[in-house]
Amino acid sequence: RLEDALFFFEEDKKQTIDEALKKLESVSFHAKIGSIAQKTA
């Protein structure tokens, strides 16, 4: 489990905040409400 966590941690550090925010546009908060990006706004 810790080996997985270490891999995830190192991979996450490679991603910029802007790249992550872009992905939120396609992540649904709720089908009737909208995406996580819309909720954030």
PDB file of all heavy atoms in Angstrom:
ATOM      1  N   ARG A   1       0.836  -1.211   0.000  1.00  0.00           N
ATOM      2  CA  ARG A   1       0.000   0.000   0.000  1.00  0.00           C
ATOM      3  C   ARG A   1       0.869   1.259   0.000  1.00  0.00           C
ATOM      4  O   ARG A   1       0.571   2.231  -0.696  1.00  0.00           O
ATOM      5  CB  ARG A   1      -0.937  -0.027   1.211  1.00  0.00           C
ATOM      6  CG  ARG A   1      -1.931   1.123   1.221  1.00  0.00           C
ATOM      7  CD  ARG A   1      -3.051   0.862   2.193  1.00  0.00           C
ATOM      8  NE  ARG A   1      -3.931  -0.187   1.738  1.00  0.00           N
ATOM      9  CZ  ARG A   1      -4.914  -0.016   0.876  1.00  0.00           C
ATOM     10  NH1 ARG A   1      -5.113   1.181   0.324  1.00  0.00           N
ATOM     11  NH2 ARG A   1      -5.685  -1.011   0.516  1.00  0.00           N
ATOM     12  N   LEU A   2       1.938   1.260   0.785  1.00  0.00           N
ATOM     13  CA  LEU A   2       2.811   2.434   0.834  1.00  0.00           C
ATOM     14  C   LEU A   2       3.573   2.616  -0.478  1.00  0.00           C
ATOM     15  O   LEU A   2       3.855   3.754  -0.880  1.00  0.00           O
ATOM     16  CB  LEU A   2       3.792   2.314   2.006  1.00  0.00           C
ATOM     17  CG  LEU A   2       3.163   2.358   3.405  1.00  0.00           C
ATOM     18  CD1 LEU A   2       4.248   2.235   4.478  1.00  0.00           C
ATOM     19  CD2 LEU A   2       2.371   3.641   3.616  1.00  0.00           C
ATOM     20  N   GLU A   3       3.898   1.522  -1.125  1.00  0.00           N
ATOM     21  CA  GLU A   3       4.585   1.620  -2.412  1.00  0.00           C
ATOM     22  C   GLU A   3       3.664   2.298  -3.437  1.00  0.00           C
ATOM     23  O   GLU A   3       4.103   3.153  -4.217  1.00  0.00           O
ATOM     24  CB  GLU A   3       4.992   0.229  -2.896  1.00  0.00           C
ATOM     25  CG  GLU A   3       5.933   0.224  -4.084  1.00  0.00           C
ATOM     26  CD  GLU A   3       7.286   0.861  -3.779  1.00  0.00           C
ATOM     27  OE1 GLU A   3       7.749   0.779  -2.613  1.00  0.00           O
ATOM     28  OE2 GLU A   3       7.874   1.465  -4.716  1.00  0.00           O
ATOM     29  N   ASP A   4       2.391   1.914  -3.415  1.00  0.00           N
ATOM     30  CA  ASP A   4       1.415   2.579  -4.289  1.00  0.00           C
ATOM     31  C   ASP A   4       1.322   4.064  -3.962  1.00  0.00           C
ATOM     32  O   ASP A   4       1.309   4.915  -4.863  1.00  0.00           O
ATOM     33  CB  ASP A   4       0.036   1.933  -4.135  1.00  0.00           C
ATOM     34  CG  ASP A   4      -0.045   0.567  -4.792  1.00  0.00           C
ATOM     35  OD1 ASP A   4       0.843   0.249  -5.605  1.00  0.00           O
ATOM     36  OD2 ASP A   4      -1.000  -0.177  -4.486  1.00  0.00           O
ATOM     37  N   ALA A   5       1.267   4.361  -2.671  1.00  0.00           N
ATOM     38  CA  ALA A   5       1.135   5.756  -2.250  1.00  0.00           C
ATOM     39  C   ALA A   5       2.345   6.572  -2.691  1.00  0.00           C
ATOM     40  O   ALA A   5       2.209   7.723  -3.146  1.00  0.00           O
ATOM     41  CB  ALA A   5       0.973   5.825  -0.732  1.00  0.00           C
ATOM     42  N   LEU A   6       3.538   5.991  -2.576  1.00  0.00           N
ATOM     43  CA  LEU A   6       4.743   6.704  -2.975  1.00  0.00           C
ATOM     44  C   LEU A   6       4.730   6.974  -4.484  1.00  0.00           C
ATOM     45  O   LEU A   6       5.095   8.073  -4.936  1.00  0.00           O
ATOM     46  CB  LEU A   6       5.980   5.885  -2.600  1.00  0.00           C
ATOM     47  CG  LEU A   6       7.334   6.580  -2.763  1.00  0.00           C
ATOM     48  CD1 LEU A   6       7.403   7.836  -1.899  1.00  0.00           C
ATOM     49  CD2 LEU A   6       8.465   5.624  -2.392  1.00  0.00           C
ATOM     50  N   PHE A   7       4.283   5.997  -5.257  1.00  0.00           N
ATOM     51  CA  PHE A   7       4.186   6.180  -6.704  1.00  0.00           C
ATOM     52  C   PHE A   7       3.185   7.295  -7.031  1.00  0.00           C
ATOM     53  O   PHE A   7       3.460   8.182  -7.845  1.00  0.00           O
ATOM     54  CB  PHE A   7       3.767   4.871  -7.372  1.00  0.00           C
ATOM     55  CG  PHE A   7       3.466   5.010  -8.838  1.00  0.00           C
ATOM     56  CD1 PHE A   7       4.486   5.103  -9.775  1.00  0.00           C
ATOM     57  CD2 PHE A   7       2.145   5.076  -9.283  1.00  0.00           C
ATOM     58  CE1 PHE A   7       4.203   5.244 -11.136  1.00  0.00           C
ATOM     59  CE2 PHE A   7       1.856   5.222 -10.633  1.00  0.00           C
ATOM     60  CZ  PHE A   7       2.886   5.308 -11.564  1.00  0.00           C
ATOM     61  N   PHE A   8       2.024   7.245  -6.395  1.00  0.00           N
ATOM     62  CA  PHE A   8       0.994   8.264  -6.646  1.00  0.00           C
ATOM     63  C   PHE A   8       1.508   9.658  -6.282  1.00  0.00           C
ATOM     64  O   PHE A   8       1.259  10.633  -6.999  1.00  0.00           O
ATOM     65  CB  PHE A   8      -0.268   7.965  -5.837  1.00  0.00           C
ATOM     66  CG  PHE A   8      -0.986   6.714  -6.260  1.00  0.00           C
ATOM     67  CD1 PHE A   8      -1.623   5.904  -5.328  1.00  0.00           C
ATOM     68  CD2 PHE A   8      -1.032   6.334  -7.595  1.00  0.00           C
ATOM     69  CE1 PHE A   8      -2.296   4.760  -5.708  1.00  0.00           C
ATOM     70  CE2 PHE A   8      -1.700   5.180  -7.996  1.00  0.00           C
ATOM     71  CZ  PHE A   8      -2.324   4.392  -7.042  1.00  0.00           C
ATOM     72  N   PHE A   9       2.227   9.739  -5.166  1.00  0.00           N
ATOM     73  CA  PHE A   9       2.734  11.021  -4.685  1.00  0.00           C
ATOM     74  C   PHE A   9       3.710  11.620  -5.695  1.00  0.00           C
ATOM     75  O   PHE A   9       3.631  12.813  -6.029  1.00  0.00           O
ATOM     76  CB  PHE A   9       3.401  10.819  -3.325  1.00  0.00           C
ATOM     77  CG  PHE A   9       3.831  12.093  -2.659  1.00  0.00           C
ATOM     78  CD1 PHE A   9       2.930  13.118  -2.411  1.00  0.00           C
ATOM     79  CD2 PHE A   9       5.163  12.271  -2.264  1.00  0.00           C
ATOM     80  CE1 PHE A   9       3.331  14.289  -1.781  1.00  0.00           C
ATOM     81  CE2 PHE A   9       5.565  13.433  -1.639  1.00  0.00           C
ATOM     82  CZ  PHE A   9       4.650  14.450  -1.398  1.00  0.00           C
ATOM     83  N   GLU A  10       4.608  10.791  -6.197  1.00  0.00           N
ATOM     84  CA  GLU A  10       5.596  11.274  -7.162  1.00  0.00           C
ATOM     85  C   GLU A  10       4.931  11.674  -8.475  1.00  0.00           C
ATOM     86  O   GLU A  10       5.308  12.675  -9.107  1.00  0.00           O
ATOM     87  CB  GLU A  10       6.669  10.201  -7.410  1.00  0.00           C
ATOM     88  CG  GLU A  10       7.527   9.885  -6.191  1.00  0.00           C
ATOM     89  CD  GLU A  10       8.263  11.113  -5.675  1.00  0.00           C
ATOM     90  OE1 GLU A  10       8.670  11.968  -6.498  1.00  0.00           O
ATOM     91  OE2 GLU A  10       8.419  11.228  -4.438  1.00  0.00           O
ATOM     92  N   GLU A  11       3.935  10.908  -8.904  1.00  0.00           N
ATOM     93  CA  GLU A  11       3.218  11.237 -10.134  1.00  0.00           C
ATOM     94  C   GLU A  11       2.426  12.539  -9.987  1.00  0.00           C
ATOM     95  O   GLU A  11       2.385  13.362 -10.896  1.00  0.00           O
ATOM     96  CB  GLU A  11       2.278  10.089 -10.524  1.00  0.00           C
ATOM     97  CG  GLU A  11       2.977   8.860 -11.048  1.00  0.00           C
ATOM     98  CD  GLU A  11       3.748   9.159 -12.332  1.00  0.00           C
ATOM     99  OE1 GLU A  11       3.130   9.644 -13.309  1.00  0.00           O
ATOM    100  OE2 GLU A  11       4.978   8.921 -12.343  1.00  0.00           O
ATOM    101  N   ASP A  12       1.786  12.701  -8.838  1.00  0.00           N
ATOM    102  CA  ASP A  12       0.979  13.908  -8.610  1.00  0.00           C
ATOM    103  C   ASP A  12       1.841  15.169  -8.633  1.00  0.00           C
ATOM    104  O   ASP A  12       1.393  16.232  -9.086  1.00  0.00           O
ATOM    105  CB  ASP A  12       0.245  13.817  -7.265  1.00  0.00           C
ATOM    106  CG  ASP A  12      -0.935  12.855  -7.308  1.00  0.00           C
ATOM    107  OD1 ASP A  12      -1.385  12.527  -8.420  1.00  0.00           O
ATOM    108  OD2 ASP A  12      -1.400  12.437  -6.232  1.00  0.00           O
ATOM    109  N   LYS A  13       3.064  15.059  -8.154  1.00  0.00           N
ATOM    110  CA  LYS A  13       3.937  16.237  -8.118  1.00  0.00           C
ATOM    111  C   LYS A  13       4.296  16.723  -9.522  1.00  0.00           C
ATOM    112  O   LYS A  13       4.668  17.879  -9.711  1.00  0.00           O
ATOM    113  CB  LYS A  13       5.203  15.920  -7.310  1.00  0.00           C
ATOM    114  CG  LYS A  13       4.952  15.826  -5.808  1.00  0.00           C
ATOM    115  CD  LYS A  13       6.227  15.834  -4.989  1.00  0.00           C
ATOM    116  CE  LYS A  13       7.047  14.597  -5.162  1.00  0.00           C
ATOM    117  NZ  LYS A  13       8.230  14.563  -4.262  1.00  0.00           N
ATOM    118  N   LYS A  14       4.174  15.843 -10.518  1.00  0.00           N
ATOM    119  CA  LYS A  14       4.491  16.225 -11.894  1.00  0.00           C
ATOM    120  C   LYS A  14       3.368  17.052 -12.525  1.00  0.00           C
ATOM    121  O   LYS A  14       3.587  17.739 -13.521  1.00  0.00           O
ATOM    122  CB  LYS A  14       4.731  14.973 -12.742  1.00  0.00           C
ATOM    123  CG  LYS A  14       5.902  14.110 -12.275  1.00  0.00           C
ATOM    124  CD  LYS A  14       5.971  12.827 -13.086  1.00  0.00           C
ATOM    125  CE  LYS A  14       7.062  11.901 -12.573  1.00  0.00           C
ATOM    126  NZ  LYS A  14       7.082  10.612 -13.322  1.00  0.00           N
ATOM    127  N   GLN A  15       2.149  16.965 -11.964  1.00  0.00           N
ATOM    128  CA  GLN A  15       0.998  17.655 -12.539  1.00  0.00           C
ATOM    129  C   GLN A  15       0.889  19.071 -11.989  1.00  0.00           C
ATOM    130  O   GLN A  15       0.996  19.286 -10.791  1.00  0.00           O
ATOM    131  CB  GLN A  15      -0.289  16.876 -12.210  1.00  0.00           C
ATOM    132  CG  GLN A  15      -1.556  17.509 -12.746  1.00  0.00           C
ATOM    133  CD  GLN A  15      -2.786  16.667 -12.464  1.00  0.00           C
ATOM    134  OE1 GLN A  15      -3.449  16.187 -13.372  1.00  0.00           O
ATOM    135  NE2 GLN A  15      -3.095  16.478 -11.191  1.00  0.00           N
ATOM    136  N   THR A  16       0.684  20.046 -12.883  1.00  0.00           N
ATOM    137  CA  THR A  16       0.513  21.425 -12.428  1.00  0.00           C
ATOM    138  C   THR A  16      -0.918  21.637 -11.957  1.00  0.00           C
ATOM    139  O   THR A  16      -1.835  20.875 -12.291  1.00  0.00           O
ATOM    140  CB  THR A  16       0.804  22.423 -13.561  1.00  0.00           C
ATOM    141  OG1 THR A  16      -0.209  22.289 -14.572  1.00  0.00           O
ATOM    142  CG2 THR A  16       2.183  22.179 -14.158  1.00  0.00           C
ATOM    143  N   ILE A  17      -1.124  22.701 -11.195  1.00  0.00           N
ATOM    144  CA  ILE A  17      -2.469  23.027 -10.717  1.00  0.00           C
ATOM    145  C   ILE A  17      -3.384  23.344 -11.887  1.00  0.00           C
ATOM    146  O   ILE A  17      -4.549  22.917 -11.919  1.00  0.00           O
ATOM    147  CB  ILE A  17      -2.414  24.195  -9.711  1.00  0.00           C
ATOM    148  CG1 ILE A  17      -1.730  23.739  -8.405  1.00  0.00           C
ATOM    149  CG2 ILE A  17      -3.814  24.730  -9.419  1.00  0.00           C
ATOM    150  CD1 ILE A  17      -1.582  24.819  -7.365  1.00  0.00           C
ATOM    151  N   ASP A  18      -2.867  24.060 -12.870  1.00  0.00           N
ATOM    152  CA  ASP A  18      -3.696  24.405 -14.030  1.00  0.00           C
ATOM    153  C   ASP A  18      -4.138  23.156 -14.790  1.00  0.00           C
ATOM    154  O   ASP A  18      -5.275  23.085 -15.273  1.00  0.00           O
ATOM    155  CB  ASP A  18      -2.928  25.341 -14.970  1.00  0.00           C
ATOM    156  CG  ASP A  18      -2.810  26.754 -14.398  1.00  0.00           C
ATOM    157  OD1 ASP A  18      -3.612  27.085 -13.501  1.00  0.00           O
ATOM    158  OD2 ASP A  18      -1.927  27.507 -14.850  1.00  0.00           O
ATOM    159  N   GLU A  19      -3.255  22.178 -14.895  1.00  0.00           N
ATOM    160  CA  GLU A  19      -3.618  20.929 -15.568  1.00  0.00           C
ATOM    161  C   GLU A  19      -4.732  20.207 -14.804  1.00  0.00           C
ATOM    162  O   GLU A  19      -5.657  19.652 -15.399  1.00  0.00           O
ATOM    163  CB  GLU A  19      -2.392  20.023 -15.688  1.00  0.00           C
ATOM    164  CG  GLU A  19      -1.368  20.516 -16.708  1.00  0.00           C
ATOM    165  CD  GLU A  19      -0.065  19.736 -16.642  1.00  0.00           C
ATOM    166  OE1 GLU A  19       0.194  19.063 -15.607  1.00  0.00           O
ATOM    167  OE2 GLU A  19       0.704  19.798 -17.621  1.00  0.00           O
ATOM    168  N   ALA A  20      -4.610  20.235 -13.489  1.00  0.00           N
ATOM    169  CA  ALA A  20      -5.641  19.594 -12.661  1.00  0.00           C
ATOM    170  C   ALA A  20      -6.976  20.310 -12.809  1.00  0.00           C
ATOM    171  O   ALA A  20      -8.031  19.671 -12.930  1.00  0.00           O
ATOM    172  CB  ALA A  20      -5.202  19.580 -11.196  1.00  0.00           C
ATOM    173  N   LEU A  21      -6.941  21.653 -12.802  1.00  0.00           N
ATOM    174  CA  LEU A  21      -8.180  22.420 -12.929  1.00  0.00           C
ATOM    175  C   LEU A  21      -8.866  22.156 -14.263  1.00  0.00           C
ATOM    176  O   LEU A  21     -10.103  22.120 -14.341  1.00  0.00           O
ATOM    177  CB  LEU A  21      -7.896  23.914 -12.764  1.00  0.00           C
ATOM    178  CG  LEU A  21      -7.425  24.366 -11.370  1.00  0.00           C
ATOM    179  CD1 LEU A  21      -7.076  25.849 -11.390  1.00  0.00           C
ATOM    180  CD2 LEU A  21      -8.490  24.082 -10.322  1.00  0.00           C
ATOM    181  N   LYS A  22      -8.078  21.974 -15.294  1.00  0.00           N
ATOM    182  CA  LYS A  22      -8.645  21.684 -16.616  1.00  0.00           C
ATOM    183  C   LYS A  22      -9.417  20.365 -16.581  1.00  0.00           C
ATOM    184  O   LYS A  22     -10.495  20.234 -17.189  1.00  0.00           O
ATOM    185  CB  LYS A  22      -7.519  21.633 -17.650  1.00  0.00           C
ATOM    186  CG  LYS A  22      -7.994  21.474 -19.094  1.00  0.00           C
ATOM    187  CD  LYS A  22      -8.746  22.710 -19.561  1.00  0.00           C
ATOM    188  CE  LYS A  22      -9.150  22.579 -21.021  1.00  0.00           C
ATOM    189  NZ  LYS A  22      -9.984  23.725 -21.471  1.00  0.00           N
ATOM    190  N   LYS A  23      -8.890  19.390 -15.865  1.00  0.00           N
ATOM    191  CA  LYS A  23      -9.547  18.087 -15.765  1.00  0.00           C
ATOM    192  C   LYS A  23     -10.889  18.179 -15.043  1.00  0.00           C
ATOM    193  O   LYS A  23     -11.800  17.378 -15.297  1.00  0.00           O
ATOM    194  CB  LYS A  23      -8.643  17.089 -15.036  1.00  0.00           C
ATOM    195  CG  LYS A  23      -7.397  16.690 -15.800  1.00  0.00           C
ATOM    196  CD  LYS A  23      -6.571  15.706 -14.996  1.00  0.00           C
ATOM    197  CE  LYS A  23      -5.288  15.309 -15.737  1.00  0.00           C
ATOM    198  NZ  LYS A  23      -4.474  14.357 -14.939  1.00  0.00           N
ATOM    199  N   LEU A  24     -11.020  19.143 -14.138  1.00  0.00           N
ATOM    200  CA  LEU A  24     -12.259  19.277 -13.368  1.00  0.00           C
ATOM    201  C   LEU A  24     -13.461  19.605 -14.246  1.00  0.00           C
ATOM    202  O   LEU A  24     -14.602  19.388 -13.848  1.00  0.00           O
ATOM    203  CB  LEU A  24     -12.105  20.354 -12.289  1.00  0.00           C
ATOM    204  CG  LEU A  24     -11.142  20.041 -11.145  1.00  0.00           C
ATOM    205  CD1 LEU A  24     -11.065  21.217 -10.183  1.00  0.00           C
ATOM    206  CD2 LEU A  24     -11.579  18.778 -10.401  1.00  0.00           C
ATOM    207  N   GLU A  25     -13.193  20.132 -15.436  1.00  0.00           N
ATOM    208  CA  GLU A  25     -14.290  20.474 -16.344  1.00  0.00           C
ATOM    209  C   GLU A  25     -15.050  19.236 -16.806  1.00  0.00           C
ATOM    210  O   GLU A  25     -16.226  19.324 -17.167  1.00  0.00           O
ATOM    211  CB  GLU A  25     -13.745  21.239 -17.554  1.00  0.00           C
ATOM    212  CG  GLU A  25     -13.144  22.591 -17.206  1.00  0.00           C
ATOM    213  CD  GLU A  25     -12.509  23.280 -18.406  1.00  0.00           C
ATOM    214  OE1 GLU A  25     -12.615  22.710 -19.523  1.00  0.00           O
ATOM    215  OE2 GLU A  25     -11.915  24.364 -18.239  1.00  0.00           O
ATOM    216  N   SER A  26     -14.403  18.103 -16.782  1.00  0.00           N
ATOM    217  CA  SER A  26     -15.052  16.865 -17.227  1.00  0.00           C
ATOM    218  C   SER A  26     -15.428  15.950 -16.068  1.00  0.00           C
ATOM    219  O   SER A  26     -15.839  14.809 -16.270  1.00  0.00           O
ATOM    220  CB  SER A  26     -14.145  16.102 -18.201  1.00  0.00           C
ATOM    221  OG  SER A  26     -12.897  15.805 -17.594  1.00  0.00           O
ATOM    222  N   VAL A  27     -15.271  16.455 -14.843  1.00  0.00           N
ATOM    223  CA  VAL A  27     -15.653  15.671 -13.661  1.00  0.00           C
ATOM    224  C   VAL A  27     -16.993  16.183 -13.154  1.00  0.00           C
ATOM    225  O   VAL A  27     -17.134  17.362 -12.831  1.00  0.00           O
ATOM    226  CB  VAL A  27     -14.589  15.771 -12.546  1.00  0.00           C
ATOM    227  CG1 VAL A  27     -15.037  14.979 -11.322  1.00  0.00           C
ATOM    228  CG2 VAL A  27     -13.245  15.271 -13.040  1.00  0.00           C
ATOM    229  N   SER A  28     -17.985  15.300 -13.084  1.00  0.00           N
ATOM    230  CA  SER A  28     -19.337  15.709 -12.694  1.00  0.00           C
ATOM    231  C   SER A  28     -19.470  15.836 -11.180  1.00  0.00           C
ATOM    232  O   SER A  28     -19.038  14.949 -10.430  1.00  0.00           O
ATOM    233  CB  SER A  28     -20.361  14.701 -13.214  1.00  0.00           C
ATOM    234  OG  SER A  28     -21.662  15.007 -12.753  1.00  0.00           O
ATOM    235  N   PHE A  29     -20.053  16.943 -10.761  1.00  0.00           N
ATOM    236  CA  PHE A  29     -20.437  17.089  -9.355  1.00  0.00           C
ATOM    237  C   PHE A  29     -21.749  16.349  -9.132  1.00  0.00           C
ATOM    238  O   PHE A  29     -21.892  15.560  -8.208  1.00  0.00           O
ATOM    239  CB  PHE A  29     -20.584  18.569  -8.992  1.00  0.00           C
ATOM    240  CG  PHE A  29     -21.132  18.801  -7.612  1.00  0.00           C
ATOM    241  CD1 PHE A  29     -20.425  18.403  -6.492  1.00  0.00           C
ATOM    242  CD2 PHE A  29     -22.363  19.416  -7.431  1.00  0.00           C
ATOM    243  CE1 PHE A  29     -20.938  18.604  -5.213  1.00  0.00           C
ATOM    244  CE2 PHE A  29     -22.879  19.630  -6.163  1.00  0.00           C
ATOM    245  CZ  PHE A  29     -22.164  19.228  -5.056  1.00  0.00           C
ATOM    246  N   HIS A  30     -22.725  16.621 -10.004  1.00  0.00           N
ATOM    247  CA  HIS A  30     -23.986  15.884 -10.036  1.00  0.00           C
ATOM    248  C   HIS A  30     -24.602  16.100 -11.407  1.00  0.00           C
ATOM    249  O   HIS A  30     -24.523  17.188 -11.974  1.00  0.00           O
ATOM    250  CB  HIS A  30     -24.939  16.366  -8.934  1.00  0.00           C
ATOM    251  CG  HIS A  30     -26.147  15.498  -8.773  1.00  0.00           C
ATOM    252  ND1 HIS A  30     -27.251  15.606  -9.583  1.00  0.00           N
ATOM    253  CD2 HIS A  30     -26.415  14.487  -7.897  1.00  0.00           C
ATOM    254  CE1 HIS A  30     -28.152  14.707  -9.210  1.00  0.00           C
ATOM    255  NE2 HIS A  30     -27.675  14.016  -8.194  1.00  0.00           N
ATOM    256  N   ALA A  31     -25.251  15.044 -11.925  1.00  0.00           N
ATOM    257  CA  ALA A  31     -25.786  15.107 -13.286  1.00  0.00           C
ATOM    258  C   ALA A  31     -26.764  16.257 -13.483  1.00  0.00           C
ATOM    259  O   ALA A  31     -26.833  16.857 -14.561  1.00  0.00           O
ATOM    260  CB  ALA A  31     -26.467  13.785 -13.630  1.00  0.00           C
ATOM    261  N   LYS A  32     -27.530  16.591 -12.439  1.00  0.00           N
ATOM    262  CA  LYS A  32     -28.526  17.654 -12.554  1.00  0.00           C
ATOM    263  C   LYS A  32     -27.949  19.039 -12.264  1.00  0.00           C
ATOM    264  O   LYS A  32     -28.639  20.046 -12.432  1.00  0.00           O
ATOM    265  CB  LYS A  32     -29.692  17.397 -11.600  1.00  0.00           C
ATOM    266  CG  LYS A  32     -30.546  16.202 -11.972  1.00  0.00           C
ATOM    267  CD  LYS A  32     -31.749  16.100 -11.043  1.00  0.00           C
ATOM    268  CE  LYS A  32     -32.662  14.946 -11.436  1.00  0.00           C
ATOM    269  NZ  LYS A  32     -33.855  14.863 -10.554  1.00  0.00           N
ATOM    270  N   ILE A  33     -26.713  19.093 -11.807  1.00  0.00           N
ATOM    271  CA  ILE A  33     -26.144  20.372 -11.362  1.00  0.00           C
ATOM    272  C   ILE A  33     -24.998  20.834 -12.246  1.00  0.00           C
ATOM    273  O   ILE A  33     -24.930  21.999 -12.644  1.00  0.00           O
ATOM    274  CB  ILE A  33     -25.695  20.270  -9.888  1.00  0.00           C
ATOM    275  CG1 ILE A  33     -26.932  20.039  -8.997  1.00  0.00           C
ATOM    276  CG2 ILE A  33     -24.943  21.524  -9.459  1.00  0.00           C
ATOM    277  CD1 ILE A  33     -26.610  19.755  -7.551  1.00  0.00           C
ATOM    278  N   GLY A  34     -24.099  19.938 -12.584  1.00  0.00           N
ATOM    279  CA  GLY A  34     -22.980  20.335 -13.430  1.00  0.00           C
ATOM    280  C   GLY A  34     -21.671  19.736 -12.982  1.00  0.00           C
ATOM    281  O   GLY A  34     -21.623  18.816 -12.165  1.00  0.00           O
ATOM    282  N   SER A  35     -20.585  20.275 -13.503  1.00  0.00           N
ATOM    283  CA  SER A  35     -19.246  19.747 -13.238  1.00  0.00           C
ATOM    284  C   SER A  35     -18.656  20.347 -11.968  1.00  0.00           C
ATOM    285  O   SER A  35     -19.163  21.330 -11.419  1.00  0.00           O
ATOM    286  CB  SER A  35     -18.326  20.053 -14.419  1.00  0.00           C
ATOM    287  OG  SER A  35     -18.105  21.457 -14.505  1.00  0.00           O
ATOM    288  N   ILE A  36     -17.558  19.748 -11.523  1.00  0.00           N
ATOM    289  CA  ILE A  36     -16.816  20.292 -10.379  1.00  0.00           C
ATOM    290  C   ILE A  36     -16.280  21.680 -10.728  1.00  0.00           C
ATOM    291  O   ILE A  36     -16.239  22.580  -9.876  1.00  0.00           O
ATOM    292  CB  ILE A  36     -15.649  19.362  -9.994  1.00  0.00           C
ATOM    293  CG1 ILE A  36     -16.176  18.015  -9.479  1.00  0.00           C
ATOM    294  CG2 ILE A  36     -14.777  20.018  -8.938  1.00  0.00           C
ATOM    295  CD1 ILE A  36     -16.851  18.066  -8.137  1.00  0.00           C
ATOM    296  N   ALA A  37     -15.894  21.885 -11.976  1.00  0.00           N
ATOM    297  CA  ALA A  37     -15.389  23.198 -12.397  1.00  0.00           C
ATOM    298  C   ALA A  37     -16.476  24.260 -12.250  1.00  0.00           C
ATOM    299  O   ALA A  37     -16.209  25.386 -11.797  1.00  0.00           O
ATOM    300  CB  ALA A  37     -14.900  23.135 -13.843  1.00  0.00           C
ATOM    301  N   GLN A  38     -17.723  23.913 -12.601  1.00  0.00           N
ATOM    302  CA  GLN A  38     -18.820  24.865 -12.450  1.00  0.00           C
ATOM    303  C   GLN A  38     -19.099  25.142 -10.974  1.00  0.00           C
ATOM    304  O   GLN A  38     -19.360  26.284 -10.583  1.00  0.00           O
ATOM    305  CB  GLN A  38     -20.078  24.309 -13.141  1.00  0.00           C
ATOM    306  CG  GLN A  38     -19.982  24.304 -14.660  1.00  0.00           C
ATOM    307  CD  GLN A  38     -21.138  23.562 -15.301  1.00  0.00           C
ATOM    308  OE1 GLN A  38     -21.444  22.422 -14.946  1.00  0.00           O
ATOM    309  NE2 GLN A  38     -21.792  24.214 -16.264  1.00  0.00           N
ATOM    310  N   LYS A  39     -19.048  24.105 -10.168  1.00  0.00           N
ATOM    311  CA  LYS A  39     -19.242  24.299  -8.731  1.00  0.00           C
ATOM    312  C   LYS A  39     -18.160  25.209  -8.167  1.00  0.00           C
ATOM    313  O   LYS A  39     -18.434  26.077  -7.334  1.00  0.00           O
ATOM    314  CB  LYS A  39     -19.234  22.957  -7.988  1.00  0.00           C
ATOM    315  CG  LYS A  39     -19.296  23.129  -6.462  1.00  0.00           C
ATOM    316  CD  LYS A  39     -19.373  21.826  -5.732  1.00  0.00           C
ATOM    317  CE  LYS A  39     -19.286  22.029  -4.226  1.00  0.00           C
ATOM    318  NZ  LYS A  39     -20.279  22.987  -3.699  1.00  0.00           N
ATOM    319  N   THR A  40     -16.929  25.005  -8.617  1.00  0.00           N
ATOM    320  CA  THR A  40     -15.817  25.830  -8.155  1.00  0.00           C
ATOM    321  C   THR A  40     -16.057  27.304  -8.491  1.00  0.00           C
ATOM    322  O   THR A  40     -15.820  28.183  -7.663  1.00  0.00           O
ATOM    323  CB  THR A  40     -14.497  25.349  -8.786  1.00  0.00           C
ATOM    324  OG1 THR A  40     -14.300  23.963  -8.477  1.00  0.00           O
ATOM    325  CG2 THR A  40     -13.317  26.155  -8.268  1.00  0.00           C
ATOM    326  N   ALA A  41     -16.549  27.550  -9.695  1.00  0.00           N
ATOM    327  CA  ALA A  41     -16.825  28.933 -10.111  1.00  0.00           C
ATOM    328  C   ALA A  41     -17.917  29.553  -9.260  1.00  0.00           C
ATOM    329  O   ALA A  41     -17.811  30.715  -8.818  1.00  0.00           O
ATOM    330  CB  ALA A  41     -17.217  28.961 -11.582  1.00  0.00           C
TER     331      ALA A  41
END
